[in-house]
């Protein structure tokens, strides 16, 4: 770079270099942008048809990046297929994200997609920090104009920006927090990456309550009002307050390592006697906390709740005969077992351990109450109350009242039932301890929030039979292989849930060892013991 260019950058400008066609140096302008004239950088594109050519893409990308670099939001926006959104984002880049200067360097063009690197500086109230990242843009044919235009996505400005999100800098409303586990060990997103959304929410909820000083940051402003901000860059270190959680660093480390082996996986561990959440981990491309907020059919893990309901109502018992045929029909729909297996002369405990669907479907007529499963889930297991307050956002499962074939599907964890690993770990903990304890990430004493309560405890005879059946499943049933490494007092249940359009079912697994229960889900992971099972075993072995 020559001396003149260096001097210009120090003075506060952007430099854009595009497609090897030279570069221009531009001074930042006011909020109103420039006059929309970019001289020799303007695209003299006329209305066309057919696919965008590589040459058109290169010219359009050059003009857009030059206009962005010049701070000319209007000119940049008119080179996109969403003028309003693009103009706002480009203008805010300097005015609200406080980017004081940047060098935009293109990469190697692939068809109509042009990658580029940004080396920027963010300056806020005298504090300046470097910001570097890679992004890309794609040029498409305008639907009405026929001109080549940048296909506008928020990720053009920054790759982590999603729909309706914004880049902002300043003093955040919530001071930073130093989250620690139940033994006082610090929990950082650097050491425990999948905790990032959890820590962000803890900061948003408790940063102001726990003290501390905000500092200054660059962050992503979420689209949803109650969603946490995502910090990208710390400009001025704040003074964090210490926030104690119920997480256990050792168990969390095992959970992080376990989910890293399976894409789109989630796992949660809770203490059975008090609901304290010991670990929550996700390995997902979208960063979503599916472990606590997911809503997917839990498959045969739901048979823990269904079995409790059947035993509670005297319609089944561990030692009672349970007809397990290859298939069964209810409400005009046929249900079958995996590979159409059957268990002649089996009792209910064996049918549970081998995950026989038909043994459960055949009980519906005896129950003769379409709301029985939903009632048991709500009254005993605390599911579907819609009032869990764990300390961050979470969902507490949904077990709708159903009739006909849909009711039969719900008996085996399909239909309209939705759960996440937190819910499944919780109902496993209830089965193990005999009483529902709402899961908790932080103490309710921090903010006086009310905790969900179940209407009644599980009957001792029901609990004893459930534990016995889960032990059988873990030692000689469908969960035996996955739980073989787990010692001591243990129990488990496998599950797989068919999802419309998916090539493979979701893999679910839940189990307990001693006073810890854990559950995992791997989207499209196959049978329960194949993918989710090893996750649960790894977490239980660390507890």
Protein backbone atom coordinates (compact mmCIF):
# COMPACT_ATOMS: atom_id res chain seq x y z
CA UNK A 1 0.00 0.00 0.00
CA UNK A 2 1.44 3.42 -0.89
CA UNK A 3 2.01 6.26 1.55
CA UNK A 4 -0.97 8.26 0.36
CA UNK A 5 -3.32 5.37 1.01
CA UNK A 6 -1.85 4.80 4.46
CA UNK A 7 -2.35 8.41 5.36
CA UNK A 8 -5.94 8.33 4.17
CA UNK A 9 -6.78 5.30 6.31
CA UNK A 10 -5.36 6.90 9.42
CA UNK A 11 -7.65 9.82 8.68
CA UNK A 12 -10.69 7.57 8.91
CA UNK A 13 -11.73 6.10 5.56
CA UNK A 14 -12.58 2.77 3.95
CA UNK A 15 -10.48 1.14 1.25
CA UNK A 16 -12.14 -1.36 -1.07
CA UNK A 17 -10.12 -3.52 -3.47
CA UNK A 18 -12.29 -5.56 -5.80
CA UNK A 19 -11.58 -8.18 -8.42
CA UNK A 20 -8.06 -7.02 -9.16
CA UNK A 21 -9.50 -4.05 -11.05
CA UNK A 22 -7.88 -1.40 -8.90
CA UNK A 23 -9.09 0.39 -5.83
CA UNK A 24 -10.51 3.67 -4.65
CA UNK A 25 -10.06 5.59 -1.41
CA UNK A 26 -13.16 7.24 0.02
CA UNK A 27 -13.83 9.54 2.99
CA UNK A 28 -16.62 8.57 5.33
CA UNK A 29 -19.68 10.76 4.92
CA UNK A 30 -22.65 11.73 7.06
CA UNK A 31 -25.78 9.72 7.79
CA UNK A 32 -27.42 10.93 4.61
CA UNK A 33 -24.82 9.20 2.45
CA UNK A 34 -23.24 10.62 -0.66
CA UNK A 35 -24.75 11.83 -3.86
CA UNK A 36 -25.11 8.30 -5.21
CA UNK A 37 -22.47 8.87 -7.88
CA UNK A 38 -19.56 6.47 -7.83
CA UNK A 39 -17.74 7.64 -10.96
CA UNK A 40 -15.91 4.84 -12.71
CA UNK A 41 -17.08 2.29 -10.11
CA UNK A 42 -20.74 2.48 -11.14
CA UNK A 43 -22.24 -0.53 -12.89
CA UNK A 44 -23.59 0.41 -16.27
CA UNK A 45 -25.84 -2.61 -16.29
CA UNK A 46 -28.79 -2.79 -18.60
CA UNK A 47 -31.81 -4.99 -18.31
CA UNK A 48 -30.89 -8.55 -19.19
CA UNK A 49 -32.18 -12.07 -19.00
CA UNK A 50 -30.83 -15.48 -18.22
CA UNK A 51 -28.21 -16.34 -15.62
CA UNK A 52 -25.89 -13.63 -14.36
CA UNK A 53 -22.49 -13.86 -16.05
CA UNK A 54 -19.24 -13.96 -14.08
CA UNK A 55 -18.32 -10.57 -15.54
CA UNK A 56 -21.60 -9.01 -14.44
CA UNK A 57 -21.15 -10.48 -10.98
CA UNK A 58 -17.62 -9.07 -10.68
CA UNK A 59 -18.70 -5.60 -11.83
CA UNK A 60 -21.70 -5.50 -9.49
CA UNK A 61 -19.67 -6.75 -6.53
CA UNK A 62 -16.99 -4.13 -7.19
CA UNK A 63 -19.51 -1.31 -7.35
CA UNK A 64 -21.33 -2.49 -4.22
CA UNK A 65 -18.17 -2.89 -2.14
CA UNK A 66 -16.85 0.48 -3.37
CA UNK A 67 -20.09 2.17 -2.34
CA UNK A 68 -20.10 0.41 1.02
CA UNK A 69 -16.47 1.43 1.55
CA UNK A 70 -17.31 5.02 0.67
CA UNK A 71 -20.09 5.07 3.25
CA UNK A 72 -22.58 5.71 0.44
CA UNK A 73 -25.47 3.66 1.78
CA UNK A 74 -27.92 4.72 -0.92
CA UNK A 75 -25.64 3.80 -3.81
CA UNK A 76 -24.75 0.47 -2.21
CA UNK A 77 -28.39 -0.35 -1.51
CA UNK A 78 -29.48 0.34 -5.09
CA UNK A 79 -27.08 -2.36 -6.21
CA UNK A 80 -29.01 -4.95 -4.15
CA UNK A 81 -32.38 -6.65 -4.43
CA UNK A 82 -33.52 -5.22 -1.08
CA UNK A 83 -32.83 -1.49 -1.10
CA UNK A 84 -34.44 -0.64 2.22
CA UNK A 85 -32.73 -3.33 4.30
CA UNK A 86 -29.35 -2.87 2.63
CA UNK A 87 -29.37 0.92 2.99
CA UNK A 88 -30.13 0.67 6.70
CA UNK A 89 -27.41 -1.93 7.30
CA UNK A 90 -24.70 -0.08 5.39
CA UNK A 91 -25.53 3.23 7.05
CA UNK A 92 -25.60 1.63 10.50
CA UNK A 93 -22.22 0.00 9.93
CA UNK A 94 -20.51 3.32 10.56
CA UNK A 95 -23.15 5.23 12.48
CA UNK A 96 -24.27 2.56 14.97
CA UNK A 97 -21.60 -0.14 14.84
CA UNK A 98 -18.96 2.63 15.04
CA UNK A 99 -16.69 1.09 12.41
CA UNK A 100 -14.17 3.90 11.91
CA UNK A 101 -12.19 2.36 9.07
CA UNK A 102 -11.99 -0.86 7.12
CA UNK A 103 -10.11 -2.55 4.31
CA UNK A 104 -12.28 -4.83 2.15
CA UNK A 105 -10.27 -7.40 0.19
CA UNK A 106 -11.93 -9.76 -2.31
CA UNK A 107 -11.11 -13.41 -2.58
CA UNK A 108 -11.32 -15.74 -5.55
CA UNK A 109 -14.64 -15.48 -7.35
CA UNK A 110 -16.62 -18.70 -7.78
CA UNK A 111 -19.26 -18.16 -10.43
CA UNK A 112 -21.50 -15.38 -9.17
CA UNK A 113 -20.30 -15.62 -5.56
CA UNK A 114 -17.53 -13.28 -4.42
CA UNK A 115 -15.90 -13.83 -1.01
CA UNK A 116 -14.15 -10.95 0.71
CA UNK A 117 -12.23 -10.18 3.86
CA UNK A 118 -12.81 -7.20 6.12
CA UNK A 119 -10.07 -5.76 8.31
CA UNK A 120 -11.78 -3.05 10.33
CA UNK A 121 -11.44 -0.94 13.42
CA UNK A 122 -14.26 -0.13 15.83
CA UNK A 123 -13.98 3.10 17.79
CA UNK A 124 -16.32 4.07 20.62
CA UNK A 125 -15.71 6.91 23.07
CA UNK A 126 -11.96 6.90 22.54
CA UNK A 127 -11.52 3.12 22.64
CA UNK A 128 -10.43 1.42 19.40
CA UNK A 129 -10.13 -2.30 18.71
CA UNK A 130 -9.45 -4.24 15.48
CA UNK A 131 -12.18 -6.40 13.94
CA UNK A 132 -11.42 -8.91 11.19
CA UNK A 133 -13.76 -11.35 9.49
CA UNK A 134 -14.60 -13.08 6.21
CA UNK A 135 -17.90 -12.80 4.37
CA UNK A 136 -19.29 -13.21 0.87
CA UNK A 137 -21.97 -11.98 -1.49
CA UNK A 138 -23.82 -13.49 -4.42
CA UNK A 139 -25.09 -11.63 -7.47
CA UNK A 140 -28.47 -12.55 -8.93
CA UNK A 141 -30.71 -11.27 -11.72
CA UNK A 142 -33.27 -8.74 -10.51
CA UNK A 143 -36.76 -10.17 -10.86
CA UNK A 144 -38.31 -6.99 -12.23
CA UNK A 145 -35.35 -4.90 -13.36
CA UNK A 146 -33.41 -7.70 -15.01
CA UNK A 147 -30.21 -6.10 -13.72
CA UNK A 148 -27.45 -7.96 -11.87
CA UNK A 149 -27.92 -7.21 -8.16
CA UNK A 150 -26.35 -8.30 -4.90
CA UNK A 151 -28.66 -10.86 -3.30
CA UNK A 152 -29.09 -9.02 -0.03
CA UNK A 153 -28.55 -11.02 3.15
CA UNK A 154 -27.60 -9.52 6.54
CA UNK A 155 -24.58 -11.86 6.48
CA UNK A 156 -23.05 -9.71 3.73
CA UNK A 157 -22.27 -7.08 6.38
CA UNK A 158 -21.15 -9.70 8.93
CA UNK A 159 -21.36 -13.50 8.58
CA UNK A 160 -23.02 -14.00 11.97
CA UNK A 161 -25.91 -11.67 11.22
CA UNK A 162 -29.21 -13.44 10.63
CA UNK A 163 -32.57 -12.13 9.43
CA UNK A 164 -33.63 -8.86 11.09
CA UNK A 165 -30.51 -8.77 13.30
CA UNK A 166 -28.34 -5.66 13.59
CA UNK A 167 -24.72 -4.79 14.33
CA UNK A 168 -24.37 -2.37 17.23
CA UNK A 169 -21.65 -0.95 19.48
CA UNK A 170 -21.78 0.97 22.74
CA UNK A 171 -22.34 0.37 26.41
CA UNK A 172 -24.53 -2.76 26.73
CA UNK A 173 -27.49 -2.69 29.07
CA UNK A 174 -26.35 -5.79 30.96
CA UNK A 175 -22.94 -5.78 32.68
CA UNK A 176 -20.75 -8.84 32.10
CA UNK A 177 -21.04 -11.77 34.47
CA UNK A 178 -18.49 -14.34 35.53
CA UNK A 179 -20.50 -17.54 35.61
CA UNK A 180 -19.15 -20.25 37.89
CA UNK A 181 -20.18 -23.83 38.47
CA UNK A 182 -21.50 -25.24 41.73
CA UNK A 183 -17.91 -25.59 42.99
CA UNK A 184 -16.84 -22.08 42.03
CA UNK A 185 -14.97 -22.96 38.80
CA UNK A 186 -15.39 -20.38 36.04
CA UNK A 187 -17.49 -21.36 33.02
CA UNK A 188 -16.39 -19.52 29.88
CA UNK A 189 -17.58 -19.81 26.30
CA UNK A 190 -13.96 -20.27 25.24
CA UNK A 191 -13.58 -23.40 27.37
CA UNK A 192 -17.15 -24.64 26.96
CA UNK A 193 -18.25 -23.43 23.48
CA UNK A 194 -21.77 -24.79 23.50
CA UNK A 195 -22.52 -22.81 26.66
CA UNK A 196 -22.29 -19.52 24.74
CA UNK A 197 -26.08 -19.06 24.26
CA UNK A 198 -26.64 -20.11 27.88
CA UNK A 199 -24.07 -17.63 29.21
CA UNK A 200 -25.47 -14.88 26.97
CA UNK A 201 -28.93 -15.40 28.42
CA UNK A 202 -27.63 -15.55 31.99
CA UNK A 203 -25.91 -12.23 31.42
CA UNK A 204 -29.03 -10.65 29.95
CA UNK A 205 -31.21 -11.88 32.81
CA UNK A 206 -28.91 -11.49 35.80
CA UNK A 207 -26.15 -9.06 34.77
CA UNK A 208 -28.06 -6.08 36.12
CA UNK A 209 -29.17 -7.92 39.26
CA UNK A 210 -25.75 -9.23 40.23
CA UNK A 211 -23.87 -5.91 40.05
CA UNK A 212 -20.87 -5.14 37.87
CA UNK A 213 -20.09 -2.41 35.34
CA UNK A 214 -21.01 -2.60 31.66
CA UNK A 215 -17.92 -1.45 29.72
CA UNK A 216 -18.20 -1.09 25.90
CA UNK A 217 -18.72 -3.73 23.21
CA UNK A 218 -19.64 -4.53 19.64
CA UNK A 219 -22.56 -6.94 19.55
CA UNK A 220 -25.30 -8.48 17.42
CA UNK A 221 -28.72 -7.13 18.33
CA UNK A 222 -31.17 -10.06 18.03
CA UNK A 223 -34.42 -9.91 16.11
CA UNK A 224 -36.47 -11.23 19.04
CA UNK A 225 -36.91 -8.76 21.87
CA UNK A 226 -36.25 -11.30 24.63
CA UNK A 227 -33.27 -12.96 22.93
CA UNK A 228 -29.79 -12.20 24.30
CA UNK A 229 -27.26 -10.00 22.55
CA UNK A 230 -24.23 -11.80 21.13
CA UNK A 231 -20.96 -10.06 21.89
CA UNK A 232 -18.49 -9.92 18.99
CA UNK A 233 -15.80 -7.63 20.40
CA UNK A 234 -14.99 -6.13 23.79
CA UNK A 235 -13.83 -2.51 23.43
CA UNK A 236 -13.59 -1.65 27.11
CA UNK A 237 -13.53 -4.34 29.76
CA UNK A 238 -16.43 -4.09 32.17
CA UNK A 239 -16.41 -5.17 35.78
CA UNK A 240 -18.12 -8.57 35.91
CA UNK A 241 -20.15 -9.83 38.80
CA UNK A 242 -19.96 -13.47 39.86
CA UNK A 243 -23.01 -15.61 39.12
CA UNK A 244 -23.18 -19.07 40.63
CA UNK A 245 -24.91 -21.76 38.61
CA UNK A 246 -25.79 -25.37 39.36
CA UNK A 247 -23.66 -26.59 36.45
CA UNK A 248 -20.77 -28.94 37.15
CA UNK A 249 -17.60 -28.15 35.16
CA UNK A 250 -16.50 -31.79 35.07
CA UNK A 251 -19.85 -33.03 33.77
CA UNK A 252 -20.08 -30.08 31.35
CA UNK A 253 -16.65 -30.90 29.94
CA UNK A 254 -17.76 -34.49 29.30
CA UNK A 255 -20.96 -33.24 27.65
CA UNK A 256 -19.01 -30.88 25.37
CA UNK A 257 -16.66 -33.68 24.31
CA UNK A 258 -19.55 -36.07 23.72
CA UNK A 259 -21.68 -33.80 21.49
CA UNK A 260 -18.61 -32.88 19.42
CA UNK A 261 -18.77 -36.39 17.94
CA UNK A 262 -22.30 -36.03 16.55
CA UNK A 263 -23.62 -33.14 14.41
CA UNK A 264 -26.97 -31.69 15.47
CA UNK A 265 -26.79 -33.27 18.91
CA UNK A 266 -27.85 -32.11 22.37
CA UNK A 267 -27.54 -33.48 25.91
CA UNK A 268 -28.66 -32.45 29.41
CA UNK A 269 -27.87 -33.86 32.86
CA UNK A 270 -29.83 -33.15 36.05
CA UNK A 271 -29.69 -34.26 39.66
CA UNK A 272 -32.65 -36.48 40.38
CA UNK A 273 -33.38 -35.24 43.90
CA UNK A 274 -33.50 -31.48 43.27
CA UNK A 275 -33.63 -30.84 39.50
CA UNK A 276 -30.30 -29.00 39.44
CA UNK A 277 -28.96 -28.88 35.88
CA UNK A 278 -25.39 -30.20 35.88
CA UNK A 279 -24.66 -29.92 32.16
CA UNK A 280 -26.24 -28.64 28.96
CA UNK A 281 -24.45 -29.00 25.63
CA UNK A 282 -25.29 -28.67 21.95
CA UNK A 283 -23.43 -29.23 18.70
CA UNK A 284 -25.51 -27.40 16.12
CA UNK A 285 -24.76 -25.26 13.08
CA UNK A 286 -27.46 -22.76 14.02
CA UNK A 287 -26.28 -22.22 17.61
CA UNK A 288 -29.79 -22.98 18.90
CA UNK A 289 -30.06 -24.27 22.46
CA UNK A 290 -32.08 -27.31 21.39
CA UNK A 291 -31.18 -29.08 24.63
CA UNK A 292 -33.52 -26.75 26.53
CA UNK A 293 -35.69 -25.11 23.87
CA UNK A 294 -36.17 -27.84 21.26
CA UNK A 295 -39.57 -29.21 20.32
CA UNK A 296 -39.36 -32.64 18.70
CA UNK A 297 -41.13 -35.97 19.13
CA UNK A 298 -39.20 -38.00 21.76
CA UNK A 299 -40.03 -41.45 20.40
CA UNK A 300 -40.02 -44.42 22.74
CA UNK A 301 -38.36 -42.54 25.62
CA UNK A 302 -41.94 -41.33 26.20
CA UNK A 303 -42.82 -44.90 27.20
CA UNK A 304 -41.45 -44.03 30.65
CA UNK A 305 -44.41 -41.66 31.11
CA UNK A 306 -46.87 -43.95 29.30
CA UNK A 307 -45.83 -46.92 31.45
CA UNK A 308 -46.31 -44.84 34.59
CA UNK A 309 -49.82 -43.93 33.46
CA UNK A 310 -50.74 -47.54 32.65
CA UNK A 311 -49.40 -48.87 35.97
CA UNK A 312 -50.95 -45.93 37.85
CA UNK A 313 -54.37 -46.85 36.45
CA UNK A 314 -53.96 -50.56 37.10
CA UNK A 315 -53.91 -51.43 33.39
CA UNK A 316 -50.40 -52.84 33.41
CA UNK A 317 -47.80 -54.16 35.82
CA UNK A 318 -44.17 -55.18 35.43
CA UNK A 319 -44.94 -58.87 35.94
CA UNK A 320 -48.30 -58.86 34.16
CA UNK A 321 -48.61 -60.46 30.73
CA UNK A 322 -48.28 -57.96 27.89
CA UNK A 323 -49.25 -58.96 24.37
CA UNK A 324 -46.41 -57.96 22.04
CA UNK A 325 -47.45 -58.80 18.48
CA UNK A 326 -45.79 -57.80 15.21
CA UNK A 327 -48.36 -55.09 14.60
CA UNK A 328 -51.47 -53.50 16.07
CA UNK A 329 -54.18 -51.19 14.74
CA UNK A 330 -55.97 -48.30 16.37
CA UNK A 331 -58.09 -45.52 14.95
CA UNK A 332 -57.67 -46.79 11.42
CA UNK A 333 -53.86 -46.76 11.55
CA UNK A 334 -51.50 -49.71 11.75
CA UNK A 335 -48.51 -49.65 14.10
CA UNK A 336 -45.61 -52.09 14.10
CA UNK A 337 -42.41 -52.90 15.93
CA UNK A 338 -38.91 -52.42 14.59
CA UNK A 339 -38.36 -55.10 11.93
CA UNK A 340 -41.79 -56.46 12.93
CA UNK A 341 -40.46 -58.38 15.93
CA UNK A 342 -42.80 -60.05 18.39
CA UNK A 343 -42.42 -61.36 21.96
CA UNK A 344 -44.81 -64.26 22.58
CA UNK A 345 -45.66 -64.63 26.26
CA UNK A 346 -43.72 -61.56 27.36
CA UNK A 347 -44.59 -59.58 30.47
CA UNK A 348 -44.85 -55.79 30.55
CA UNK A 349 -41.30 -55.30 31.89
CA UNK A 350 -39.84 -57.26 28.98
CA UNK A 351 -42.01 -55.43 26.45
CA UNK A 352 -40.76 -52.14 27.93
CA UNK A 353 -37.12 -53.26 27.91
CA UNK A 354 -37.33 -54.43 24.29
CA UNK A 355 -39.32 -51.32 23.30
CA UNK A 356 -42.36 -53.13 21.97
CA UNK A 357 -44.71 -50.55 20.44
CA UNK A 358 -47.68 -52.83 20.06
CA UNK A 359 -47.71 -53.78 23.75
CA UNK A 360 -48.46 -50.13 24.50
CA UNK A 361 -50.88 -49.53 21.63
CA UNK A 362 -53.00 -52.50 22.70
CA UNK A 363 -53.59 -50.88 26.12
CA UNK A 364 -55.54 -47.91 24.76
CA UNK A 365 -58.92 -49.63 24.78
CA UNK A 366 -58.45 -50.71 28.40
CA UNK A 367 -57.62 -47.15 29.49
CA UNK A 368 -60.65 -45.71 27.72
CA UNK A 369 -59.63 -42.11 28.44
CA UNK A 370 -58.22 -39.99 25.63
CA UNK A 371 -56.72 -37.50 28.08
CA UNK A 372 -55.03 -40.04 30.34
CA UNK A 373 -51.47 -39.59 29.06
CA UNK A 374 -51.63 -35.78 29.09
CA UNK A 375 -53.03 -35.87 32.63
CA UNK A 376 -50.29 -38.18 33.93
CA UNK A 377 -47.58 -36.09 32.23
CA UNK A 378 -48.90 -32.89 33.78
CA UNK A 379 -49.94 -34.06 37.25
CA UNK A 380 -46.99 -36.35 38.07
CA UNK A 381 -44.13 -35.37 35.75
CA UNK A 382 -44.71 -31.60 35.57
CA UNK A 383 -44.74 -31.66 31.77
CA UNK A 384 -46.84 -29.30 29.69
CA UNK A 385 -47.44 -26.85 32.55
CA UNK A 386 -45.86 -24.07 30.47
CA UNK A 387 -44.38 -22.46 33.60
CA UNK A 388 -40.89 -23.84 34.07
CA UNK A 389 -38.51 -21.07 35.07
CA UNK A 390 -35.06 -22.60 34.85
CA UNK A 391 -33.18 -19.29 34.88
CA UNK A 392 -33.01 -18.94 31.08
CA UNK A 393 -35.43 -19.64 28.24
CA UNK A 394 -36.66 -23.23 28.16
CA UNK A 395 -39.72 -25.19 27.15
CA UNK A 396 -41.32 -27.78 29.39
CA UNK A 397 -42.70 -30.19 26.82
CA UNK A 398 -46.11 -30.59 25.27
CA UNK A 399 -48.44 -33.59 25.59
CA UNK A 400 -51.72 -32.57 23.95
CA UNK A 401 -54.95 -34.45 24.55
CA UNK A 402 -55.44 -36.64 21.49
CA UNK A 403 -57.98 -39.10 20.12
CA UNK A 404 -57.98 -42.04 17.71
CA UNK A 405 -54.76 -42.90 15.88
CA UNK A 406 -53.07 -39.76 17.16
CA UNK A 407 -53.63 -40.89 20.76
CA UNK A 408 -52.03 -44.23 19.92
CA UNK A 409 -49.06 -42.44 18.36
CA UNK A 410 -48.59 -40.40 21.52
CA UNK A 411 -48.36 -43.56 23.63
CA UNK A 412 -45.07 -44.30 21.84
CA UNK A 413 -43.80 -40.72 21.73
CA UNK A 414 -45.00 -39.67 18.28
CA UNK A 415 -47.99 -37.63 17.15
CA UNK A 416 -48.13 -34.08 18.50
CA UNK A 417 -45.94 -34.70 21.55
CA UNK A 418 -42.85 -32.48 21.62
CA UNK A 419 -39.92 -32.66 24.02
CA UNK A 420 -36.29 -31.69 24.35
CA UNK A 421 -33.45 -33.40 26.25
CA UNK A 422 -34.15 -31.26 29.34
CA UNK A 423 -37.74 -32.53 29.47
CA UNK A 424 -36.71 -36.14 28.96
CA UNK A 425 -33.93 -35.92 31.58
CA UNK A 426 -36.49 -34.39 33.93
CA UNK A 427 -39.09 -37.14 33.56
CA UNK A 428 -36.33 -39.71 33.99
CA UNK A 429 -35.31 -37.96 37.20
CA UNK A 430 -38.94 -38.05 38.33
CA UNK A 431 -39.12 -41.78 37.64
CA UNK A 432 -35.89 -42.34 39.55
CA UNK A 433 -36.79 -40.23 42.61
CA UNK A 434 -40.58 -40.59 42.62
CA UNK A 435 -41.20 -36.82 42.68
CA UNK A 436 -41.02 -33.98 40.15
CA UNK A 437 -38.39 -31.30 40.77
CA UNK A 438 -38.47 -28.48 38.23
CA UNK A 439 -35.06 -28.23 36.52
CA UNK A 440 -32.97 -25.27 37.69
CA UNK A 441 -29.89 -23.67 36.17
CA UNK A 442 -29.53 -20.98 38.85
CA UNK A 443 -31.08 -20.55 42.27
CA UNK A 444 -34.58 -19.04 42.38
CA UNK A 445 -33.37 -16.95 45.31
CA UNK A 446 -31.50 -14.76 42.83
CA UNK A 447 -34.71 -13.21 41.55
CA UNK A 448 -37.53 -14.73 43.58
CA UNK A 449 -39.02 -16.45 40.57
CA UNK A 450 -41.72 -19.08 41.25
CA UNK A 451 -40.91 -22.73 40.60
CA UNK A 452 -43.31 -25.13 38.90
CA UNK A 453 -44.93 -27.79 41.06
CA UNK A 454 -46.57 -31.07 40.08
CA UNK A 455 -50.04 -31.78 41.43
CA UNK A 456 -49.04 -35.07 43.05
CA UNK A 457 -46.15 -37.42 43.69
CA UNK A 458 -45.81 -40.72 41.92
CA UNK A 459 -47.27 -43.66 43.78
CA UNK A 460 -44.48 -45.72 45.42
CA UNK A 461 -45.61 -48.91 43.67
CA UNK A 462 -45.51 -47.14 40.29
CA UNK A 463 -42.05 -45.75 40.94
CA UNK A 464 -40.66 -49.10 42.05
CA UNK A 465 -41.91 -50.83 38.92
CA UNK A 466 -40.65 -48.07 36.62
CA UNK A 467 -37.16 -48.24 38.13
CA UNK A 468 -37.17 -52.01 37.81
CA UNK A 469 -38.14 -51.83 34.13
CA UNK A 470 -35.55 -49.15 33.36
CA UNK A 471 -32.87 -51.26 35.06
CA UNK A 472 -33.87 -54.22 32.92
CA UNK A 473 -33.63 -52.04 29.80
CA UNK A 474 -30.13 -50.91 30.79
CA UNK A 475 -28.84 -54.39 31.51
CA UNK A 476 -30.52 -56.68 28.99
CA UNK A 477 -32.81 -54.52 26.84
CA UNK A 478 -32.33 -52.08 23.99
CA UNK A 479 -30.08 -49.81 26.12
CA UNK A 480 -27.70 -52.53 27.30
CA UNK A 481 -24.90 -51.89 24.82
CA UNK A 482 -24.84 -48.12 25.31
CA UNK A 483 -25.00 -48.45 29.11
CA UNK A 484 -22.43 -51.25 29.39
CA UNK A 485 -19.72 -48.82 30.49
CA UNK A 486 -21.90 -47.23 33.17
CA UNK A 487 -21.51 -48.86 36.54
CA UNK A 488 -23.54 -48.99 39.72
CA UNK A 489 -27.27 -48.43 40.05
CA UNK A 490 -28.49 -47.59 36.54
CA UNK A 491 -31.51 -47.53 34.29
CA UNK A 492 -32.31 -46.34 30.77
CA UNK A 493 -34.75 -46.13 27.86
CA UNK A 494 -34.07 -45.82 24.15
CA UNK A 495 -36.12 -44.01 21.55
CA UNK A 496 -36.23 -43.14 17.88
CA UNK A 497 -38.69 -40.73 16.33
CA UNK A 498 -39.67 -40.62 12.68
CA UNK A 499 -39.67 -37.08 11.29
CA UNK A 500 -41.53 -36.25 8.06
CA UNK A 501 -39.11 -35.84 5.19
CA UNK A 502 -36.06 -37.06 7.14
CA UNK A 503 -34.05 -39.94 5.76
CA UNK A 504 -33.28 -41.27 9.22
CA UNK A 505 -35.17 -41.04 12.55
CA UNK A 506 -34.05 -38.82 15.42
CA UNK A 507 -32.01 -40.76 17.96
CA UNK A 508 -33.14 -40.37 21.60
CA UNK A 509 -31.76 -41.92 24.78
CA UNK A 510 -32.29 -41.33 28.47
CA UNK A 511 -30.77 -42.93 31.52
CA UNK A 512 -29.73 -42.52 35.11
CA UNK A 513 -26.84 -43.58 37.28
CA UNK A 514 -27.01 -42.99 41.02
CA UNK A 515 -28.58 -39.57 41.57
CA UNK A 516 -27.95 -38.18 38.06
CA UNK A 517 -30.27 -38.47 35.07
CA UNK A 518 -29.29 -37.52 31.53
CA UNK A 519 -30.98 -37.42 28.14
CA UNK A 520 -29.71 -36.80 24.62
CA UNK A 521 -31.06 -36.32 21.13
CA UNK A 522 -29.25 -36.50 17.78
CA UNK A 523 -31.28 -35.28 14.81
CA UNK A 524 -31.41 -37.97 12.11
CA UNK A 525 -29.09 -40.06 14.29
CA UNK A 526 -30.91 -43.35 13.82
CA UNK A 527 -31.86 -45.73 16.61
CA UNK A 528 -31.65 -44.53 20.19
CA UNK A 529 -28.68 -46.57 21.29
CA UNK A 530 -26.62 -45.78 18.20
CA UNK A 531 -25.91 -42.05 18.60
CA UNK A 532 -27.74 -40.60 21.61
CA UNK A 533 -26.85 -43.56 23.85
CA UNK A 534 -23.08 -42.93 23.89
CA UNK A 535 -23.71 -39.25 24.73
CA UNK A 536 -25.73 -40.16 27.81
CA UNK A 537 -23.24 -42.81 28.91
CA UNK A 538 -20.33 -40.36 28.64
CA UNK A 539 -22.12 -37.79 30.76
CA UNK A 540 -23.23 -40.30 33.39
CA UNK A 541 -19.69 -41.66 33.66
CA UNK A 542 -18.43 -38.15 34.42
CA UNK A 543 -20.98 -37.43 37.13
